[in-house]
C-alpha cells in the first residue's frame, strides 16, 4: 500500500468518525505550521492560525473529495486562505507586520510543496481526457499501453494527449496561460 493509499484510508476513516482526524493532524501539523510561520513571522500568531486551519479542515472534512492532490495540499490551501483573510482584517497587528518591509523566511521544502499543490490544481483544470492520462500515467503509474486500453485509444494517441497535457502544465507552471 502506498503512502497516498494509506492517507486516503485515514481521510475516509476520519470522514466516518472524526476521532480519526488526530492522525491526519499529526501527519500534517508541522508542515502547515511551517507554511504559516514563514508568512507571519510570529510564533503565537502562527500557532493560532494553524489551529484555525485544522478546525476549518475538520469542519469541512465531510465535503472533502479526492481529486488527485494530496490531503496536505488541501490543508495548505486552507492555510493560504486563512492568511489572506487575516491580511484583509484591519487590525493593528497585521498593519505592523506588513510595515516592517522584511522579506518572509522561505523554506525550499515549503516552496516545493506549494509548487506541487499548484501543479495538482493545474492538472485538475486540464480537459478531461488530458487529466485522465496524466493521473493514470503519473499518479497511478500506469503504462502507455494500460492507459490506451483503459481509454480505448491507440498508444500513439495517448502519447500525443500526454505531450499536449505536459506542455500545457509546463506553460502554466512557468507563468504562461495554457
N, C-alpha and C. Protein backbone atom coordinates (compact mmCIF):
# COMPACT_ATOMS: atom_id res chain seq x y z
N UNK A 1 0.85 -1.19 0.00
CA UNK A 1 0.00 0.00 0.00
C UNK A 1 0.89 1.24 0.00
N UNK A 2 0.61 2.18 -0.89
CA UNK A 2 1.40 3.40 -0.95
C UNK A 2 0.99 4.34 0.17
N UNK A 3 1.83 5.34 0.38
CA UNK A 3 1.53 6.34 1.41
C UNK A 3 0.25 7.09 1.06
N UNK A 4 0.05 7.34 -0.25
CA UNK A 4 -1.18 8.02 -0.69
C UNK A 4 -2.42 7.19 -0.39
N UNK A 5 -2.31 5.87 -0.59
CA UNK A 5 -3.44 5.00 -0.28
C UNK A 5 -3.73 4.99 1.22
N UNK A 6 -2.65 4.96 2.01
CA UNK A 6 -2.81 4.96 3.46
C UNK A 6 -3.47 6.26 3.92
N UNK A 7 -3.02 7.37 3.34
CA UNK A 7 -3.61 8.65 3.73
C UNK A 7 -5.07 8.73 3.30
N UNK A 8 -5.36 8.21 2.13
CA UNK A 8 -6.75 8.21 1.67
C UNK A 8 -7.62 7.41 2.64
N UNK A 9 -7.12 6.28 3.12
CA UNK A 9 -7.87 5.49 4.10
C UNK A 9 -8.06 6.26 5.40
N UNK A 10 -7.02 6.99 5.81
CA UNK A 10 -7.15 7.81 7.03
C UNK A 10 -8.23 8.87 6.86
N UNK A 11 -8.23 9.53 5.70
CA UNK A 11 -9.24 10.57 5.44
C UNK A 11 -10.63 9.96 5.46
N UNK A 12 -10.79 8.83 4.79
CA UNK A 12 -12.11 8.19 4.75
C UNK A 12 -12.55 7.76 6.15
N UNK A 13 -11.60 7.27 6.95
CA UNK A 13 -11.94 6.88 8.33
C UNK A 13 -12.36 8.11 9.13
N UNK A 14 -11.63 9.22 8.94
CA UNK A 14 -11.97 10.46 9.67
C UNK A 14 -13.30 11.03 9.20
N UNK A 15 -13.63 10.83 7.94
CA UNK A 15 -14.93 11.30 7.46
C UNK A 15 -16.07 10.51 8.11
N UNK A 16 -15.82 9.24 8.40
CA UNK A 16 -16.81 8.41 9.07
C UNK A 16 -16.86 8.67 10.58
N UNK A 17 -15.68 8.89 11.16
CA UNK A 17 -15.57 9.09 12.60
C UNK A 17 -14.50 10.15 12.87
N UNK A 18 -14.91 11.36 13.25
CA UNK A 18 -13.96 12.46 13.42
C UNK A 18 -12.81 12.19 14.42
N UNK A 19 -12.96 11.19 15.27
CA UNK A 19 -11.87 10.90 16.21
C UNK A 19 -10.61 10.42 15.46
N UNK A 20 -10.77 9.95 14.23
CA UNK A 20 -9.62 9.51 13.43
C UNK A 20 -8.85 10.68 12.82
N UNK A 21 -9.37 11.90 12.97
CA UNK A 21 -8.71 13.08 12.41
C UNK A 21 -7.37 13.35 13.10
N UNK A 22 -7.21 12.86 14.32
CA UNK A 22 -5.98 13.12 15.08
C UNK A 22 -4.74 12.64 14.33
N UNK A 23 -4.82 11.51 13.66
CA UNK A 23 -3.65 11.01 12.93
C UNK A 23 -3.33 11.89 11.72
N UNK A 24 -4.35 12.39 11.06
CA UNK A 24 -4.11 13.33 9.96
C UNK A 24 -3.48 14.61 10.49
N UNK A 25 -3.95 15.06 11.64
CA UNK A 25 -3.37 16.24 12.28
C UNK A 25 -1.88 16.01 12.54
N UNK A 26 -1.55 14.88 13.15
CA UNK A 26 -0.15 14.58 13.47
C UNK A 26 0.72 14.53 12.23
N UNK A 27 0.20 14.01 11.14
CA UNK A 27 0.96 13.91 9.89
C UNK A 27 1.26 15.27 9.28
N UNK A 28 0.36 16.24 9.47
CA UNK A 28 0.46 17.48 8.71
C UNK A 28 0.68 18.74 9.53
N UNK A 29 0.59 18.68 10.83
CA UNK A 29 0.64 19.90 11.62
C UNK A 29 1.97 20.64 11.46
N UNK A 30 3.08 19.94 11.41
CA UNK A 30 4.38 20.62 11.30
C UNK A 30 4.50 21.36 9.97
N UNK A 31 4.06 20.73 8.90
CA UNK A 31 4.14 21.36 7.58
C UNK A 31 3.26 22.60 7.50
N UNK A 32 2.03 22.49 8.01
CA UNK A 32 1.11 23.63 7.98
C UNK A 32 1.65 24.76 8.85
N UNK A 33 2.15 24.41 10.03
CA UNK A 33 2.72 25.43 10.93
C UNK A 33 3.90 26.13 10.26
N UNK A 34 4.80 25.37 9.61
CA UNK A 34 5.96 25.97 8.93
C UNK A 34 5.50 26.90 7.81
N UNK A 35 4.49 26.48 7.07
CA UNK A 35 3.94 27.30 5.99
C UNK A 35 3.43 28.63 6.54
N UNK A 36 2.66 28.57 7.61
CA UNK A 36 2.08 29.78 8.20
C UNK A 36 3.17 30.65 8.84
N UNK A 37 4.06 30.03 9.60
CA UNK A 37 5.12 30.78 10.28
C UNK A 37 6.00 31.54 9.29
N UNK A 38 6.29 30.94 8.15
CA UNK A 38 7.12 31.60 7.14
C UNK A 38 6.47 32.87 6.62
N UNK A 39 5.17 32.98 6.78
CA UNK A 39 4.46 34.14 6.26
C UNK A 39 4.11 35.19 7.31
N UNK A 40 3.95 34.78 8.55
CA UNK A 40 3.58 35.77 9.58
C UNK A 40 4.74 36.13 10.50
N UNK A 41 5.76 35.27 10.58
CA UNK A 41 6.97 35.53 11.37
C UNK A 41 6.69 35.80 12.84
N UNK A 42 5.60 35.29 13.36
CA UNK A 42 5.26 35.43 14.78
C UNK A 42 4.74 34.08 15.26
N UNK A 43 5.45 33.49 16.20
CA UNK A 43 5.14 32.14 16.65
C UNK A 43 3.71 32.03 17.18
N UNK A 44 3.28 32.98 17.99
CA UNK A 44 1.95 32.91 18.59
C UNK A 44 0.84 33.03 17.53
N UNK A 45 1.03 33.95 16.60
CA UNK A 45 0.05 34.12 15.54
C UNK A 45 0.03 32.85 14.67
N UNK A 46 1.20 32.30 14.38
CA UNK A 46 1.28 31.08 13.57
C UNK A 46 0.58 29.91 14.27
N UNK A 47 0.75 29.81 15.57
CA UNK A 47 0.08 28.75 16.32
C UNK A 47 -1.43 28.90 16.25
N UNK A 48 -1.91 30.13 16.42
CA UNK A 48 -3.35 30.39 16.36
C UNK A 48 -3.91 30.08 14.98
N UNK A 49 -3.21 30.54 13.94
CA UNK A 49 -3.69 30.30 12.59
C UNK A 49 -3.65 28.82 12.24
N UNK A 50 -2.62 28.12 12.69
CA UNK A 50 -2.54 26.68 12.43
C UNK A 50 -3.70 25.96 13.09
N UNK A 51 -4.02 26.34 14.31
CA UNK A 51 -5.18 25.75 14.99
C UNK A 51 -6.46 26.02 14.21
N UNK A 52 -6.60 27.25 13.70
CA UNK A 52 -7.77 27.60 12.89
C UNK A 52 -7.86 26.75 11.63
N UNK A 53 -6.71 26.52 11.00
CA UNK A 53 -6.68 25.71 9.77
C UNK A 53 -7.24 24.32 10.06
N UNK A 54 -6.79 23.71 11.16
CA UNK A 54 -7.24 22.35 11.45
C UNK A 54 -8.70 22.32 11.93
N UNK A 55 -9.15 23.39 12.58
CA UNK A 55 -10.57 23.46 12.93
C UNK A 55 -11.42 23.54 11.66
N UNK A 56 -10.99 24.39 10.72
CA UNK A 56 -11.72 24.51 9.46
C UNK A 56 -11.68 23.21 8.67
N UNK A 57 -10.52 22.56 8.66
CA UNK A 57 -10.38 21.30 7.93
C UNK A 57 -11.30 20.23 8.52
N UNK A 58 -11.34 20.15 9.83
CA UNK A 58 -12.21 19.15 10.48
C UNK A 58 -13.68 19.44 10.16
N UNK A 59 -14.04 20.72 10.19
CA UNK A 59 -15.43 21.08 9.89
C UNK A 59 -15.80 20.78 8.44
N UNK A 60 -14.83 20.95 7.53
CA UNK A 60 -15.10 20.75 6.10
C UNK A 60 -14.79 19.33 5.64
N UNK A 61 -14.26 18.50 6.50
CA UNK A 61 -13.84 17.15 6.12
C UNK A 61 -14.94 16.33 5.45
N UNK A 62 -16.19 16.39 5.91
CA UNK A 62 -17.22 15.59 5.23
C UNK A 62 -17.37 15.92 3.74
N UNK A 63 -17.02 17.13 3.34
CA UNK A 63 -17.17 17.51 1.94
C UNK A 63 -15.88 17.35 1.15
N UNK A 64 -14.78 16.92 1.79
CA UNK A 64 -13.51 16.74 1.09
C UNK A 64 -13.65 15.60 0.08
N UNK A 65 -13.15 15.85 -1.14
CA UNK A 65 -13.17 14.83 -2.20
C UNK A 65 -11.77 14.70 -2.77
N UNK A 66 -11.38 13.47 -3.07
CA UNK A 66 -10.08 13.23 -3.69
C UNK A 66 -10.14 13.66 -5.14
N UNK A 67 -9.17 14.48 -5.54
CA UNK A 67 -9.11 14.94 -6.93
C UNK A 67 -7.70 14.85 -7.47
N UNK A 68 -6.92 13.94 -6.94
CA UNK A 68 -5.56 13.75 -7.42
C UNK A 68 -4.52 14.49 -6.60
N UNK A 69 -4.92 15.47 -5.83
CA UNK A 69 -3.98 16.21 -4.99
C UNK A 69 -3.93 15.59 -3.59
N UNK A 70 -2.77 15.64 -2.96
CA UNK A 70 -2.69 15.08 -1.60
C UNK A 70 -3.53 15.89 -0.61
N UNK A 71 -3.89 15.23 0.47
CA UNK A 71 -4.66 15.87 1.54
C UNK A 71 -3.90 17.10 2.07
N UNK A 72 -2.58 16.99 2.16
CA UNK A 72 -1.76 18.11 2.66
C UNK A 72 -1.91 19.35 1.80
N UNK A 73 -2.08 19.18 0.50
CA UNK A 73 -2.27 20.34 -0.38
C UNK A 73 -3.58 21.05 -0.05
N UNK A 74 -4.59 20.29 0.30
CA UNK A 74 -5.87 20.87 0.71
C UNK A 74 -5.69 21.70 1.98
N UNK A 75 -4.92 21.16 2.92
CA UNK A 75 -4.65 21.89 4.17
C UNK A 75 -3.88 23.18 3.90
N UNK A 76 -2.90 23.12 3.00
CA UNK A 76 -2.13 24.32 2.67
C UNK A 76 -3.03 25.35 2.00
N UNK A 77 -3.96 24.90 1.19
CA UNK A 77 -4.91 25.84 0.57
C UNK A 77 -5.75 26.52 1.64
N UNK A 78 -6.21 25.76 2.63
CA UNK A 78 -6.97 26.34 3.74
C UNK A 78 -6.10 27.35 4.49
N UNK A 79 -4.84 27.00 4.71
CA UNK A 79 -3.91 27.91 5.40
C UNK A 79 -3.70 29.19 4.60
N UNK A 80 -3.52 29.06 3.29
CA UNK A 80 -3.33 30.24 2.45
C UNK A 80 -4.56 31.14 2.50
N UNK A 81 -5.74 30.54 2.49
CA UNK A 81 -6.98 31.32 2.60
C UNK A 81 -7.08 32.00 3.96
N UNK A 82 -6.68 31.30 5.03
CA UNK A 82 -6.71 31.89 6.37
C UNK A 82 -5.75 33.08 6.44
N UNK A 83 -4.58 32.94 5.83
CA UNK A 83 -3.62 34.05 5.81
C UNK A 83 -4.18 35.23 5.02
N UNK A 84 -4.81 34.95 3.90
CA UNK A 84 -5.40 36.02 3.10
C UNK A 84 -6.52 36.71 3.87
N UNK A 85 -7.36 35.95 4.56
CA UNK A 85 -8.42 36.53 5.38
C UNK A 85 -7.83 37.42 6.47
N UNK A 86 -6.76 36.94 7.08
CA UNK A 86 -6.11 37.70 8.15
C UNK A 86 -5.56 39.03 7.63
N UNK A 87 -4.99 39.00 6.45
CA UNK A 87 -4.43 40.23 5.88
C UNK A 87 -5.53 41.24 5.53
N UNK A 88 -6.70 40.74 5.22
CA UNK A 88 -7.81 41.65 4.88
C UNK A 88 -8.39 42.33 6.10
N UNK A 89 -8.18 41.69 7.28
CA UNK A 89 -8.73 42.28 8.51
C UNK A 89 -7.94 43.52 8.88
N UNK A 90 -8.62 44.60 9.18
CA UNK A 90 -7.91 45.84 9.53
C UNK A 90 -7.52 45.85 11.00
N UNK A 91 -6.48 45.10 11.34
CA UNK A 91 -6.00 45.11 12.72
C UNK A 91 -4.63 45.74 12.77
N UNK A 92 -4.30 46.29 13.90
CA UNK A 92 -3.01 46.93 14.07
C UNK A 92 -1.88 45.92 13.93
N UNK A 93 -2.10 44.72 14.45
CA UNK A 93 -1.08 43.67 14.39
C UNK A 93 -0.69 43.37 12.95
N UNK A 94 -1.66 43.24 12.07
CA UNK A 94 -1.37 42.96 10.68
C UNK A 94 -0.67 44.15 10.05
N UNK A 95 -1.13 45.34 10.34
CA UNK A 95 -0.50 46.53 9.79
C UNK A 95 0.95 46.64 10.23
N UNK A 96 1.23 46.36 11.50
CA UNK A 96 2.60 46.40 11.99
C UNK A 96 3.49 45.40 11.28
N UNK A 97 2.98 44.19 11.06
CA UNK A 97 3.77 43.17 10.36
C UNK A 97 4.02 43.57 8.92
N UNK A 98 3.02 44.13 8.26
CA UNK A 98 3.16 44.50 6.86
C UNK A 98 4.11 45.67 6.67
N UNK A 99 4.23 46.54 7.66
CA UNK A 99 5.06 47.73 7.53
C UNK A 99 6.54 47.48 7.84
N UNK A 100 6.89 46.29 8.30
CA UNK A 100 8.29 46.01 8.61
C UNK A 100 9.13 45.99 7.36
N UNK A 101 8.54 45.64 6.23
CA UNK A 101 9.27 45.60 4.99
C UNK A 101 10.20 44.40 4.87
N UNK A 102 10.20 43.54 5.88
CA UNK A 102 11.07 42.37 5.84
C UNK A 102 10.51 41.34 4.88
N UNK A 103 11.43 40.64 4.23
CA UNK A 103 11.02 39.53 3.40
C UNK A 103 10.79 38.32 4.28
N UNK A 104 9.73 37.59 4.07
CA UNK A 104 9.48 36.42 4.90
C UNK A 104 10.53 35.34 4.63
N UNK A 105 10.82 34.57 5.67
CA UNK A 105 11.71 33.43 5.53
C UNK A 105 11.04 32.41 4.64
N UNK A 106 11.77 31.88 3.68
CA UNK A 106 11.19 30.85 2.84
C UNK A 106 12.02 29.59 2.95
N UNK A 107 11.34 28.51 3.09
CA UNK A 107 11.95 27.19 3.20
C UNK A 107 11.79 26.50 1.85
N UNK A 108 12.88 26.00 1.27
CA UNK A 108 12.75 25.33 -0.03
C UNK A 108 11.75 24.18 -0.01
N UNK A 109 11.63 23.48 1.10
CA UNK A 109 10.67 22.37 1.17
C UNK A 109 9.24 22.91 1.07
N UNK A 110 8.99 24.05 1.67
CA UNK A 110 7.66 24.66 1.60
C UNK A 110 7.39 25.13 0.17
N UNK A 111 8.40 25.76 -0.45
CA UNK A 111 8.23 26.20 -1.83
C UNK A 111 7.94 25.01 -2.74
N UNK A 112 8.64 23.90 -2.53
CA UNK A 112 8.41 22.69 -3.32
C UNK A 112 6.98 22.20 -3.10
N UNK A 113 6.52 22.21 -1.86
CA UNK A 113 5.16 21.77 -1.55
C UNK A 113 4.14 22.67 -2.24
N UNK A 114 4.39 23.98 -2.21
CA UNK A 114 3.47 24.91 -2.86
C UNK A 114 3.44 24.68 -4.37
N UNK A 115 4.61 24.42 -4.96
CA UNK A 115 4.65 24.14 -6.39
C UNK A 115 3.88 22.88 -6.73
N UNK A 116 4.00 21.86 -5.88
CA UNK A 116 3.26 20.63 -6.11
C UNK A 116 1.76 20.89 -6.00
N UNK A 117 1.36 21.66 -5.01
CA UNK A 117 -0.06 21.97 -4.84
C UNK A 117 -0.58 22.73 -6.07
N UNK A 118 0.23 23.66 -6.56
CA UNK A 118 -0.15 24.42 -7.75
C UNK A 118 -0.27 23.48 -8.96
N UNK A 119 0.69 22.56 -9.10
CA UNK A 119 0.65 21.60 -10.19
C UNK A 119 -0.61 20.74 -10.13
N UNK A 120 -0.96 20.27 -8.93
CA UNK A 120 -2.18 19.46 -8.80
C UNK A 120 -3.41 20.27 -9.20
N UNK A 121 -3.43 21.54 -8.84
CA UNK A 121 -4.56 22.40 -9.21
C UNK A 121 -4.62 22.54 -10.74
N UNK A 122 -3.48 22.72 -11.38
CA UNK A 122 -3.45 22.85 -12.84
C UNK A 122 -3.86 21.54 -13.52
N UNK A 123 -3.46 20.41 -12.95
CA UNK A 123 -3.89 19.12 -13.50
C UNK A 123 -5.41 19.03 -13.43
N UNK A 124 -6.00 19.47 -12.32
CA UNK A 124 -7.46 19.46 -12.18
C UNK A 124 -8.14 20.30 -13.26
N UNK A 125 -7.45 21.33 -13.75
CA UNK A 125 -8.04 22.23 -14.73
C UNK A 125 -7.87 21.76 -16.18
N UNK A 126 -7.10 20.69 -16.39
CA UNK A 126 -6.91 20.17 -17.75
C UNK A 126 -8.24 19.62 -18.29
N UNK A 127 -8.36 19.56 -19.63
CA UNK A 127 -9.53 18.88 -20.21
C UNK A 127 -9.58 17.43 -19.70
N UNK A 128 -10.77 16.87 -19.63
CA UNK A 128 -10.98 15.55 -19.02
C UNK A 128 -10.01 14.48 -19.50
N UNK A 129 -9.86 14.33 -20.81
CA UNK A 129 -9.02 13.24 -21.31
C UNK A 129 -7.55 13.47 -20.96
N UNK A 130 -7.09 14.72 -21.02
CA UNK A 130 -5.71 15.02 -20.65
C UNK A 130 -5.48 14.76 -19.17
N UNK A 131 -6.42 15.19 -18.34
CA UNK A 131 -6.31 14.97 -16.90
C UNK A 131 -6.25 13.47 -16.60
N UNK A 132 -7.13 12.71 -17.24
CA UNK A 132 -7.15 11.26 -17.02
C UNK A 132 -5.82 10.64 -17.39
N UNK A 133 -5.27 11.01 -18.54
CA UNK A 133 -4.00 10.44 -18.98
C UNK A 133 -2.89 10.80 -17.98
N UNK A 134 -2.81 12.04 -17.56
CA UNK A 134 -1.76 12.47 -16.62
C UNK A 134 -1.91 11.74 -15.28
N UNK A 135 -3.11 11.66 -14.76
CA UNK A 135 -3.33 10.99 -13.48
C UNK A 135 -2.99 9.51 -13.59
N UNK A 136 -3.46 8.87 -14.65
CA UNK A 136 -3.19 7.44 -14.81
C UNK A 136 -1.70 7.17 -15.00
N UNK A 137 -1.03 7.99 -15.82
CA UNK A 137 0.38 7.76 -16.11
C UNK A 137 1.28 8.06 -14.90
N UNK A 138 1.03 9.18 -14.22
CA UNK A 138 1.98 9.63 -13.21
C UNK A 138 1.53 9.38 -11.77
N UNK A 139 0.27 9.51 -11.49
CA UNK A 139 -0.20 9.25 -10.12
C UNK A 139 -0.39 7.75 -9.89
N UNK A 140 -0.99 7.08 -10.89
CA UNK A 140 -1.25 5.64 -10.74
C UNK A 140 -0.16 4.79 -11.38
N UNK A 141 0.82 5.45 -12.02
CA UNK A 141 1.99 4.80 -12.61
C UNK A 141 1.62 3.69 -13.59
N UNK A 142 0.65 3.97 -14.45
CA UNK A 142 0.24 3.01 -15.46
C UNK A 142 1.06 3.24 -16.74
N UNK A 143 1.25 2.21 -17.51
CA UNK A 143 1.99 2.31 -18.76
C UNK A 143 1.11 2.95 -19.84
N UNK A 144 1.75 3.39 -20.92
CA UNK A 144 1.01 3.95 -22.04
C UNK A 144 0.04 2.89 -22.57
N UNK A 145 0.50 1.65 -22.65
CA UNK A 145 -0.34 0.56 -23.14
C UNK A 145 -1.58 0.38 -22.25
N UNK A 146 -1.39 0.41 -20.93
CA UNK A 146 -2.51 0.24 -20.00
C UNK A 146 -3.53 1.38 -20.13
N UNK A 147 -3.02 2.61 -20.24
CA UNK A 147 -3.91 3.77 -20.36
C UNK A 147 -4.66 3.71 -21.69
N UNK A 148 -3.95 3.32 -22.75
CA UNK A 148 -4.60 3.20 -24.07
C UNK A 148 -5.74 2.19 -24.01
N UNK A 149 -5.49 1.04 -23.39
CA UNK A 149 -6.53 0.03 -23.28
C UNK A 149 -7.70 0.53 -22.43
N UNK A 150 -7.40 1.21 -21.35
CA UNK A 150 -8.44 1.73 -20.45
C UNK A 150 -9.33 2.74 -21.16
N UNK A 151 -8.71 3.61 -21.99
CA UNK A 151 -9.48 4.67 -22.65
C UNK A 151 -9.96 4.29 -24.06
N UNK A 152 -9.58 3.10 -24.53
CA UNK A 152 -9.99 2.67 -25.86
C UNK A 152 -9.35 3.50 -26.96
N UNK A 153 -8.10 3.88 -26.77
CA UNK A 153 -7.36 4.68 -27.76
C UNK A 153 -6.06 3.96 -28.11
N UNK A 154 -5.42 4.43 -29.15
CA UNK A 154 -4.14 3.84 -29.52
C UNK A 154 -3.04 4.39 -28.60
N UNK A 155 -1.92 3.67 -28.54
CA UNK A 155 -0.80 4.13 -27.73
C UNK A 155 -0.28 5.47 -28.26
N UNK A 156 -0.27 5.62 -29.59
CA UNK A 156 0.16 6.90 -30.19
C UNK A 156 -0.73 8.05 -29.75
N UNK A 157 -2.03 7.81 -29.69
CA UNK A 157 -2.96 8.86 -29.26
C UNK A 157 -2.69 9.24 -27.80
N UNK A 158 -2.44 8.25 -26.96
CA UNK A 158 -2.16 8.53 -25.55
C UNK A 158 -0.88 9.35 -25.42
N UNK A 159 0.14 9.01 -26.21
CA UNK A 159 1.40 9.77 -26.17
C UNK A 159 1.17 11.22 -26.59
N UNK A 160 0.34 11.45 -27.61
CA UNK A 160 0.04 12.81 -28.05
C UNK A 160 -0.74 13.58 -26.99
N UNK A 161 -1.72 12.94 -26.39
CA UNK A 161 -2.51 13.58 -25.33
C UNK A 161 -1.60 13.94 -24.16
N UNK A 162 -0.73 13.01 -23.79
CA UNK A 162 0.20 13.25 -22.69
C UNK A 162 1.13 14.42 -23.02
N UNK A 163 1.66 14.45 -24.23
CA UNK A 163 2.55 15.52 -24.65
C UNK A 163 1.85 16.88 -24.56
N UNK A 164 0.63 16.96 -25.07
CA UNK A 164 -0.13 18.22 -25.00
C UNK A 164 -0.39 18.65 -23.57
N UNK A 165 -0.75 17.68 -22.73
CA UNK A 165 -1.02 17.99 -21.33
C UNK A 165 0.24 18.48 -20.63
N UNK A 166 1.36 17.81 -20.86
CA UNK A 166 2.61 18.22 -20.22
C UNK A 166 3.05 19.60 -20.68
N UNK A 167 2.86 19.88 -21.98
CA UNK A 167 3.19 21.23 -22.47
C UNK A 167 2.32 22.29 -21.80
N UNK A 168 1.03 22.00 -21.68
CA UNK A 168 0.12 22.95 -21.04
C UNK A 168 0.50 23.16 -19.58
N UNK A 169 0.84 22.08 -18.89
CA UNK A 169 1.23 22.19 -17.48
C UNK A 169 2.53 22.97 -17.33
N UNK A 170 3.50 22.71 -18.20
CA UNK A 170 4.77 23.42 -18.13
C UNK A 170 4.55 24.92 -18.34
N UNK A 171 3.73 25.25 -19.32
CA UNK A 171 3.44 26.66 -19.60
C UNK A 171 2.79 27.33 -18.39
N UNK A 172 1.82 26.66 -17.78
CA UNK A 172 1.14 27.21 -16.60
C UNK A 172 2.12 27.38 -15.43
N UNK A 173 2.96 26.36 -15.21
CA UNK A 173 3.91 26.42 -14.10
C UNK A 173 4.94 27.53 -14.29
N UNK A 174 5.26 27.84 -15.54
CA UNK A 174 6.23 28.90 -15.83
C UNK A 174 5.56 30.28 -15.87
N UNK A 175 4.28 30.32 -15.61
CA UNK A 175 3.58 31.60 -15.53
C UNK A 175 2.85 32.00 -16.79
N UNK A 176 2.81 31.12 -17.78
CA UNK A 176 2.08 31.41 -19.01
C UNK A 176 0.62 31.07 -18.86
N UNK A 177 -0.09 31.22 -19.93
CA UNK A 177 -1.53 30.92 -19.92
C UNK A 177 -1.81 29.83 -20.94
N UNK A 178 -1.94 28.61 -20.46
CA UNK A 178 -2.20 27.48 -21.37
C UNK A 178 -3.65 27.43 -21.75
